[in-house]
Amino acid sequence: MSSRPNILVLMSDQQRIDTVSAYGLNDIVGTPHIDSLAQRGVRFDNAFTVTAICSPSRASFYTGLYPHHHGVTGNGLSIREGVRGINDCLAEAGYRCGYAGKWHVDEERGPSQLGFVGQDFMGYAFPGSGLLPGLQFGAKPRTGNPYANYLRERGFDLPTVSHRYVGTNPGCSAQEMYALHEGPVESCIEYFVAEETIRVMREVAEGDQPFFLWANFWGPHTPCLVPEPYFSMYHPDDIPEHPSYCETFANKPRVQSIIERMWGLGDYGWRGFQEIAARYYGHCTLIDDQVGRILAALDELGELENTIIIYTADHGDCLGAHKLIEKGEFMYDEIYRIPYVVAHPDCQQPGSTDDNFVYLHETMMSLLEAAGVEMPEGLDGESFLPAMRGEGEWSNGR
């Protein structure tokens, strides 16, 4: 075991802060494994993403920079040449760096090309696209599909996708809001991500060097492909109408009404969002159970008590708030305020909360300080390591 802490970052895609039950904002969905991290560490109540778009947010986390500085200002772009990532700094300091799951950081270079141990999913790279019978969403990986290999190696038949739920706009009918994954849990995408995370973890944990592992789930971003029992775990009738659903688009930027029409969910009324939210909640609990499996594997390696563990998301989802779904060119708390939970081995106040306004991309500065690595010049923001350690008197003054 290294004298320096290991670092494990678990990141979901498009997860609302109120779907982590440790926040107490939602009495329906349950996430006991993420909650256990909050009980061991600190729950951040005012953590925000720098942008509510997947690639720019992830690239900011990776580089510690605002999008206009690293160059990924939208999906489908690449990080500027010469910009360094967190793994570059940690590797120079002796860390072994691993990656698992969704990438969507750089359009041209995958994690293995940027120095990580792990497999590449280039582009949006939804593992089920072009593979699972019945799935219409087409954004398959460009350079091979490790998920397909996983299913074959484990002896699974290709699970069928059924109960597709789409909007009324024919132009978006090929992207499911949700669907039932008709196969065992062990054959679903999020279980595969956990298996890959555990595999890479075991590899980078070998020897006396500390490790940094960044693991990324595809969910609960649409399409929510959810197996039973998670598909039916939460009932749509139990989900109350969001207080802002009554709003109209009058006197708001026109782009909001355009996006609402694009998804074509308006004809369904609030009932449509209830149906979507029930499967979205199930997806969050599915991910939480995979977090539990990853933490158990970390414990088996004897590294649980020497690892800084972060659970967070790249951005949130409106999920019916303001009559909108997903995210886009609008600025609401539902998509910018993110879950952010840290279990630090040296936490001074386990189970505490922190109200400091912190940014997702400032994670890089905080983790470099925690690892004793010299801070590169030109990063955007500042470390909030004292808050991660539960030093209650610390404030960044924002």
Protein backbone atom coordinates (compact mmCIF):
# COMPACT_ATOMS: atom_id res chain seq x y z
CA MET A 1 0.00 0.00 0.00
CA SER A 2 1.28 3.44 -0.95
CA SER A 3 1.73 6.14 1.68
CA ARG A 4 -0.02 8.55 -0.69
CA PRO A 5 -3.78 8.25 -1.21
CA ASN A 6 -5.30 6.50 -4.19
CA ILE A 7 -7.99 8.42 -6.05
CA LEU A 8 -11.23 6.93 -7.39
CA VAL A 9 -13.65 9.19 -9.29
CA LEU A 10 -17.06 7.71 -10.14
CA MET A 11 -18.95 9.91 -12.61
CA SER A 12 -22.46 9.45 -13.93
CA ASP A 13 -23.88 11.22 -16.95
CA GLN A 14 -26.78 13.65 -16.67
CA GLN A 15 -27.76 12.89 -13.07
CA ARG A 16 -29.87 15.28 -11.02
CA ILE A 17 -28.73 16.15 -7.53
CA ASP A 18 -32.09 15.09 -6.06
CA THR A 19 -31.61 11.49 -7.22
CA VAL A 20 -28.87 10.94 -4.63
CA SER A 21 -30.88 10.20 -1.51
CA ALA A 22 -28.16 11.53 0.82
CA TYR A 23 -29.31 15.03 -0.18
CA GLY A 24 -32.78 14.50 1.24
CA LEU A 25 -34.40 16.26 -1.71
CA ASN A 26 -36.40 13.28 -2.96
CA ASP A 27 -38.11 10.70 -0.75
CA ILE A 28 -38.66 8.23 -3.61
CA VAL A 29 -35.34 7.21 -5.13
CA GLY A 30 -32.75 5.37 -3.03
CA THR A 31 -28.96 5.34 -3.42
CA PRO A 32 -27.62 3.65 -0.26
CA HIS A 33 -24.08 3.03 -1.52
CA ILE A 34 -23.49 6.64 -2.54
CA ASP A 35 -25.11 7.65 0.74
CA SER A 36 -22.51 5.54 2.56
CA LEU A 37 -19.79 7.67 0.98
CA ALA A 38 -21.52 10.79 2.29
CA GLN A 39 -21.69 9.23 5.75
CA ARG A 40 -17.94 8.60 5.64
CA GLY A 41 -17.11 11.98 4.17
CA VAL A 42 -18.61 15.25 2.95
CA ARG A 43 -21.71 16.06 0.90
CA PHE A 44 -21.31 19.24 -1.16
CA ASP A 45 -24.58 21.15 -1.47
CA ASN A 46 -23.42 23.82 -3.92
CA ALA A 47 -21.30 21.99 -6.47
CA PHE A 48 -21.84 23.17 -10.04
CA THR A 49 -20.69 22.09 -13.45
CA VAL A 50 -19.05 24.76 -15.57
CA THR A 51 -21.34 23.87 -18.49
CA ALA A 52 -24.30 21.53 -18.84
CA ILE A 53 -23.05 19.87 -22.04
CA CYS A 54 -21.33 16.48 -21.84
CA SER A 55 -18.00 16.89 -23.63
CA PRO A 56 -17.17 20.45 -22.48
CA SER A 57 -17.96 19.52 -18.87
CA ARG A 58 -15.90 16.33 -18.97
CA ALA A 59 -13.00 18.07 -20.69
CA SER A 60 -13.08 20.75 -17.99
CA PHE A 61 -12.96 18.10 -15.28
CA TYR A 62 -10.05 16.47 -17.09
CA THR A 63 -8.01 19.65 -17.68
CA GLY A 64 -8.99 21.99 -14.83
CA LEU A 65 -9.87 24.63 -17.44
CA TYR A 66 -12.91 26.48 -18.70
CA PRO A 67 -14.15 25.25 -22.12
CA HIS A 68 -12.88 28.32 -23.97
CA HIS A 69 -9.41 27.53 -22.64
CA HIS A 70 -9.26 23.80 -23.43
CA GLY A 71 -11.11 24.13 -26.74
CA VAL A 72 -14.02 21.72 -26.26
CA THR A 73 -16.86 24.23 -26.34
CA GLY A 74 -19.35 21.70 -27.69
CA ASN A 75 -19.76 18.00 -28.30
CA GLY A 76 -17.68 16.54 -31.11
CA LEU A 77 -14.57 18.66 -30.53
CA SER A 78 -11.05 17.91 -29.31
CA ILE A 79 -8.85 19.30 -26.57
CA ARG A 80 -6.29 21.78 -27.85
CA GLU A 81 -2.80 20.45 -28.44
CA GLY A 82 -0.51 21.06 -25.51
CA VAL A 83 -3.27 21.08 -22.89
CA ARG A 84 -2.46 18.61 -20.13
CA GLY A 85 -4.88 16.45 -18.20
CA ILE A 86 -4.99 15.42 -14.58
CA ASN A 87 -3.51 12.02 -15.39
CA ASP A 88 -0.44 13.65 -16.96
CA CYS A 89 0.33 15.45 -13.71
CA LEU A 90 -0.38 12.44 -11.52
CA ALA A 91 1.59 10.04 -13.72
CA GLU A 92 4.65 12.28 -13.49
CA ALA A 93 4.32 12.03 -9.71
CA GLY A 94 4.27 8.24 -9.79
CA TYR A 95 0.56 7.46 -10.00
CA ARG A 96 -0.76 4.66 -12.19
CA CYS A 97 -3.77 6.06 -14.06
CA GLY A 98 -6.76 4.04 -15.23
CA TYR A 99 -9.99 4.75 -17.06
CA ALA A 100 -13.24 2.82 -17.51
CA GLY A 101 -16.55 3.42 -19.28
CA LYS A 102 -17.83 6.36 -21.27
CA TRP A 103 -15.22 8.79 -22.64
CA HIS A 104 -16.79 11.69 -24.61
CA VAL A 105 -13.94 14.03 -23.66
CA ASP A 106 -11.94 14.31 -26.88
CA GLU A 107 -13.31 13.43 -30.31
CA GLU A 108 -9.99 12.29 -31.80
CA ARG A 109 -8.02 10.80 -28.90
CA GLY A 110 -9.20 8.16 -26.49
CA PRO A 111 -8.05 7.51 -22.93
CA SER A 112 -5.45 4.94 -24.00
CA GLN A 113 -3.87 7.50 -26.34
CA LEU A 114 -3.74 10.02 -23.50
CA GLY A 115 -1.88 7.73 -21.13
CA PHE A 116 -4.62 5.85 -19.29
CA VAL A 117 -4.82 2.12 -18.74
CA GLY A 118 -8.21 1.12 -20.15
CA GLN A 119 -10.33 0.60 -23.25
CA ASP A 120 -11.53 3.28 -25.66
CA PHE A 121 -15.11 4.26 -26.50
CA MET A 122 -14.67 6.99 -29.08
CA GLY A 123 -17.31 9.66 -29.68
CA TYR A 124 -20.58 9.44 -27.74
CA ALA A 125 -20.14 5.70 -28.27
CA PHE A 126 -23.30 4.23 -26.78
CA PRO A 127 -22.38 0.55 -26.28
CA GLY A 128 -25.82 -0.81 -27.17
CA SER A 129 -26.13 1.06 -30.49
CA GLY A 130 -26.01 -1.22 -33.51
CA LEU A 131 -25.80 -4.20 -31.17
CA LEU A 132 -28.92 -4.79 -29.09
CA PRO A 133 -32.02 -5.93 -31.02
CA GLY A 134 -34.85 -3.41 -30.83
CA LEU A 135 -32.73 -0.39 -29.91
CA GLN A 136 -33.14 2.47 -32.38
CA PHE A 137 -30.64 4.94 -30.92
CA GLY A 138 -27.68 5.01 -33.29
CA ALA A 139 -24.43 6.31 -31.81
CA LYS A 140 -22.29 3.21 -31.83
CA PRO A 141 -18.58 3.18 -30.92
CA ARG A 142 -16.33 4.02 -33.85
CA THR A 143 -13.39 1.76 -33.05
CA GLY A 144 -14.65 -1.53 -31.69
CA ASN A 145 -17.08 -2.25 -28.88
CA PRO A 146 -15.68 -3.75 -25.65
CA TYR A 147 -19.25 -4.19 -24.38
CA ALA A 148 -19.99 -6.57 -27.27
CA ASN A 149 -16.83 -8.47 -26.37
CA TYR A 150 -17.94 -8.59 -22.74
CA LEU A 151 -21.33 -10.10 -23.64
CA ARG A 152 -19.69 -12.70 -25.85
CA GLU A 153 -17.02 -13.64 -23.31
CA ARG A 154 -19.63 -14.03 -20.54
CA GLY A 155 -21.85 -16.15 -22.77
CA PHE A 156 -24.82 -13.77 -22.87
CA ASP A 157 -27.25 -13.73 -25.75
CA LEU A 158 -27.80 -10.22 -27.07
CA PRO A 159 -30.52 -8.75 -24.81
CA THR A 160 -33.58 -7.46 -26.63
CA VAL A 161 -34.74 -3.88 -26.07
CA SER A 162 -38.50 -3.37 -25.66
CA HIS A 163 -41.05 -0.93 -24.24
CA ARG A 164 -39.41 1.94 -26.12
CA TYR A 165 -40.65 5.38 -25.07
CA VAL A 166 -40.10 8.24 -27.50
CA GLY A 167 -41.54 11.68 -28.15
CA THR A 168 -44.03 12.57 -30.87
CA ASN A 169 -41.51 14.42 -33.05
CA PRO A 170 -40.60 12.01 -35.89
CA GLY A 171 -37.19 13.65 -36.11
CA CYS A 172 -36.30 12.45 -32.60
CA SER A 173 -38.12 9.13 -32.60
CA ALA A 174 -34.83 7.25 -32.93
CA GLN A 175 -33.67 8.29 -29.45
CA GLU A 176 -35.47 6.45 -26.74
CA MET A 177 -36.21 8.29 -23.52
CA TYR A 178 -36.13 4.86 -21.93
CA ALA A 179 -36.53 1.19 -22.77
CA LEU A 180 -36.53 -2.17 -21.02
CA HIS A 181 -33.28 -4.15 -21.23
CA GLU A 182 -34.66 -7.70 -21.49
CA GLY A 183 -31.70 -9.54 -20.09
CA PRO A 184 -30.13 -10.26 -16.72
CA VAL A 185 -28.66 -7.35 -14.79
CA GLU A 186 -25.21 -8.81 -15.44
CA SER A 187 -25.71 -8.20 -19.17
CA CYS A 188 -26.62 -4.50 -18.93
CA ILE A 189 -24.31 -1.61 -19.77
CA GLU A 190 -23.87 -0.24 -16.24
CA TYR A 191 -22.94 -3.68 -14.87
CA PHE A 192 -20.35 -3.90 -17.65
CA VAL A 193 -18.93 -0.50 -16.62
CA ALA A 194 -18.57 -1.73 -13.04
CA GLU A 195 -16.86 -4.92 -14.24
CA GLU A 196 -14.46 -2.91 -16.38
CA THR A 197 -13.80 -0.54 -13.47
CA ILE A 198 -12.95 -3.45 -11.19
CA ARG A 199 -10.72 -5.02 -13.85
CA VAL A 200 -8.76 -1.80 -14.39
CA MET A 201 -8.65 -1.14 -10.64
CA ARG A 202 -6.99 -4.48 -10.01
CA GLU A 203 -4.45 -3.74 -12.72
CA VAL A 204 -3.47 -0.25 -11.55
CA ALA A 205 -3.49 -1.28 -7.88
CA GLU A 206 -0.69 -3.80 -8.41
CA GLY A 207 2.62 -2.85 -6.82
CA ASP A 208 3.47 -0.04 -4.44
CA GLN A 209 2.44 2.94 -6.58
CA PRO A 210 -0.74 4.88 -5.78
CA PHE A 211 -3.42 4.89 -8.46
CA PHE A 212 -5.91 7.29 -10.02
CA LEU A 213 -8.99 5.70 -11.58
CA TRP A 214 -11.72 7.62 -13.39
CA ALA A 215 -14.82 5.49 -14.03
CA ASN A 216 -17.79 6.73 -16.04
CA PHE A 217 -21.32 5.36 -16.31
CA TRP A 218 -23.42 6.06 -19.41
CA GLY A 219 -26.56 6.62 -17.39
CA PRO A 220 -28.90 7.95 -16.40
CA HIS A 221 -28.48 9.85 -19.70
CA THR A 222 -31.01 8.79 -22.30
CA PRO A 223 -31.61 6.29 -23.62
CA CYS A 224 -32.18 4.77 -20.19
CA LEU A 225 -31.80 1.05 -20.89
CA VAL A 226 -32.86 -0.44 -17.59
CA PRO A 227 -33.26 -4.14 -16.73
CA GLU A 228 -35.64 -5.52 -14.15
CA PRO A 229 -36.05 -5.14 -11.23
CA TYR A 230 -34.97 -1.52 -11.75
CA PHE A 231 -37.33 -0.86 -14.69
CA SER A 232 -40.38 -1.37 -12.44
CA MET A 233 -38.79 -0.33 -9.13
CA TYR A 234 -40.49 3.08 -8.99
CA HIS A 235 -44.09 3.76 -9.96
CA PRO A 236 -44.90 6.77 -12.15
CA ASP A 237 -47.96 7.62 -10.03
CA ASP A 238 -45.71 8.28 -7.02
CA ILE A 239 -43.78 11.07 -8.73
CA PRO A 240 -45.30 14.49 -7.95
CA GLU A 241 -45.48 17.24 -10.53
CA HIS A 242 -42.44 19.49 -10.47
CA PRO A 243 -43.34 22.96 -9.14
CA SER A 244 -41.99 24.63 -12.29
CA TYR A 245 -43.87 22.39 -14.74
CA CYS A 246 -46.70 24.94 -14.77
CA GLU A 247 -44.42 27.56 -16.35
CA THR A 248 -44.85 28.65 -19.96
CA PHE A 249 -42.22 29.73 -22.46
CA ALA A 250 -43.51 33.30 -22.59
CA ASN A 251 -40.76 35.91 -22.20
CA LYS A 252 -38.07 33.22 -22.19
CA PRO A 253 -35.33 32.70 -24.78
CA ARG A 254 -36.87 31.14 -27.89
CA VAL A 255 -34.40 28.28 -27.81
CA GLN A 256 -36.27 26.75 -24.87
CA SER A 257 -39.51 26.30 -26.79
CA ILE A 258 -37.53 25.00 -29.77
CA ILE A 259 -35.89 22.33 -27.60
CA GLU A 260 -39.25 21.42 -26.04
CA ARG A 261 -40.73 20.87 -29.51
CA MET A 262 -37.63 19.00 -30.66
CA TRP A 263 -38.11 16.23 -28.09
CA GLY A 264 -41.86 16.10 -28.72
CA LEU A 265 -42.90 15.32 -25.17
CA GLY A 266 -45.39 18.16 -24.71
CA ASP A 267 -48.32 16.12 -26.01
CA TYR A 268 -47.95 13.64 -23.16
CA GLY A 269 -48.36 16.21 -20.40
CA TRP A 270 -46.93 15.60 -16.94
CA ARG A 271 -47.84 11.90 -17.22
CA GLY A 272 -45.13 11.49 -19.83
CA PHE A 273 -42.51 12.91 -17.51
CA GLN A 274 -43.73 10.63 -14.73
CA GLU A 275 -43.14 7.61 -16.96
CA ILE A 276 -39.66 8.84 -17.88
CA ALA A 277 -38.72 9.81 -14.33
CA ALA A 278 -39.70 6.40 -12.94
CA ARG A 279 -37.20 4.67 -15.25
CA TYR A 280 -34.63 7.41 -14.73
CA TYR A 281 -34.90 6.82 -10.97
CA GLY A 282 -34.51 3.10 -11.52
CA HIS A 283 -31.42 3.79 -13.58
CA CYS A 284 -29.95 5.82 -10.71
CA THR A 285 -30.50 2.97 -8.26
CA LEU A 286 -28.99 0.54 -10.77
CA ILE A 287 -25.89 2.72 -10.94
CA ASP A 288 -25.81 2.96 -7.15
CA ASP A 289 -25.74 -0.82 -6.88
CA GLN A 290 -22.77 -0.89 -9.27
CA VAL A 291 -21.06 1.70 -7.07
CA GLY A 292 -21.54 -0.74 -4.21
CA ARG A 293 -19.85 -3.50 -6.21
CA ILE A 294 -16.90 -1.25 -7.03
CA LEU A 295 -16.48 -0.21 -3.40
CA ALA A 296 -16.58 -3.87 -2.32
CA ALA A 297 -13.81 -4.68 -4.81
CA LEU A 298 -11.76 -1.76 -3.53
CA ASP A 299 -12.19 -3.09 -0.01
CA GLU A 300 -11.11 -6.58 -1.10
CA LEU A 301 -7.90 -5.06 -2.42
CA GLY A 302 -7.30 -3.55 1.01
CA GLU A 303 -7.32 -0.03 -0.43
CA LEU A 304 -10.68 1.34 0.74
CA GLU A 305 -9.25 3.22 3.70
CA ASN A 306 -6.42 4.72 1.63
CA THR A 307 -8.52 6.04 -1.25
CA ILE A 308 -10.15 9.41 -1.88
CA ILE A 309 -13.50 8.50 -3.44
CA ILE A 310 -15.61 11.04 -5.32
CA TYR A 311 -19.08 10.46 -6.72
CA THR A 312 -20.37 13.15 -9.07
CA ALA A 313 -21.95 13.85 -12.47
CA ASP A 314 -21.03 15.91 -15.51
CA HIS A 315 -24.38 17.79 -15.35
CA GLY A 316 -28.03 17.27 -14.48
CA ASP A 317 -31.35 16.87 -16.29
CA CYS A 318 -34.50 19.00 -16.28
CA LEU A 319 -36.70 15.87 -16.24
CA GLY A 320 -39.87 17.92 -16.63
CA ALA A 321 -38.79 21.00 -14.71
CA HIS A 322 -39.69 24.14 -16.70
CA LYS A 323 -41.47 21.76 -19.18
CA LEU A 324 -38.04 20.63 -20.45
CA ILE A 325 -36.14 17.36 -20.69
CA GLU A 326 -32.42 16.66 -20.69
CA LYS A 327 -30.19 19.76 -20.86
CA GLY A 328 -29.29 22.40 -23.41
CA GLU A 329 -28.86 26.11 -23.99
CA PHE A 330 -30.60 27.20 -20.81
CA MET A 331 -29.38 27.81 -17.29
CA TYR A 332 -31.39 26.20 -14.54
CA ASP A 333 -30.23 24.67 -11.28
CA GLU A 334 -31.63 21.32 -12.39
CA ILE A 335 -28.87 20.96 -14.98
CA TYR A 336 -25.99 22.98 -13.47
CA ARG A 337 -26.13 21.93 -9.82
CA ILE A 338 -24.70 18.44 -9.49
CA PRO A 339 -24.31 15.72 -6.88
CA TYR A 340 -20.82 15.80 -5.38
CA VAL A 341 -19.87 13.48 -2.53
CA VAL A 342 -16.32 12.93 -1.26
CA ALA A 343 -15.08 10.26 1.13
CA HIS A 344 -11.56 11.33 2.14
CA PRO A 345 -9.44 9.01 4.34
CA ASP A 346 -8.53 11.97 6.55
CA CYS A 347 -12.03 13.44 6.82
CA GLN A 348 -12.28 15.34 10.09
CA GLN A 349 -16.09 15.49 10.19
CA PRO A 350 -17.58 12.34 8.60
CA GLY A 351 -21.18 12.82 7.56
CA SER A 352 -20.88 16.59 7.26
CA THR A 353 -22.16 18.94 4.58
CA ASP A 354 -20.37 21.82 2.89
CA ASP A 355 -22.05 24.92 1.46
CA ASN A 356 -19.08 26.38 -0.41
CA PHE A 357 -19.73 27.17 -4.07
CA VAL A 358 -17.35 24.82 -5.88
CA TYR A 359 -16.92 23.86 -9.52
CA LEU A 360 -16.54 20.39 -10.99
CA HIS A 361 -13.37 21.34 -12.86
CA GLU A 362 -11.74 22.46 -9.59
CA THR A 363 -11.57 18.79 -8.67
CA MET A 364 -8.28 18.61 -10.55
CA MET A 365 -6.65 21.26 -8.39
CA SER A 366 -7.99 19.66 -5.22
CA LEU A 367 -6.76 16.18 -6.11
CA LEU A 368 -3.33 17.37 -7.19
CA GLU A 369 -2.95 19.08 -3.83
CA ALA A 370 -4.13 15.94 -2.05
CA ALA A 371 -1.52 13.90 -3.91
CA GLY A 372 1.24 16.38 -3.11
CA VAL A 373 1.70 17.25 -6.77
CA GLU A 374 2.89 20.68 -7.83
CA MET A 375 0.09 22.72 -9.33
CA PRO A 376 0.53 23.59 -13.03
CA GLU A 377 0.26 27.26 -13.91
CA GLY A 378 -2.80 28.63 -15.65
CA LEU A 379 -5.53 26.42 -14.21
CA ASP A 380 -8.97 28.00 -13.80
CA GLY A 381 -10.09 28.03 -10.20
CA GLU A 382 -8.68 26.89 -6.89
CA SER A 383 -8.36 23.80 -4.75
CA PHE A 384 -11.08 23.04 -2.23
CA LEU A 385 -9.18 20.19 -0.58
CA PRO A 386 -9.80 21.57 2.95
CA ALA A 387 -13.54 21.21 2.32
CA MET A 388 -13.02 17.67 1.01
CA ARG A 389 -11.29 16.86 4.28
CA GLY A 390 -14.21 18.23 6.26
CA GLU A 391 -12.40 21.23 7.70
CA GLY A 392 -15.60 23.03 8.64
CA GLU A 393 -14.10 26.50 9.12
CA TRP A 394 -12.70 26.68 5.58
CA SER A 395 -14.37 28.98 3.05
CA ASN A 396 -13.50 30.05 -0.47
CA GLY A 397 -15.43 33.30 0.04
CA ARG A 398 -17.85 32.87 -2.83
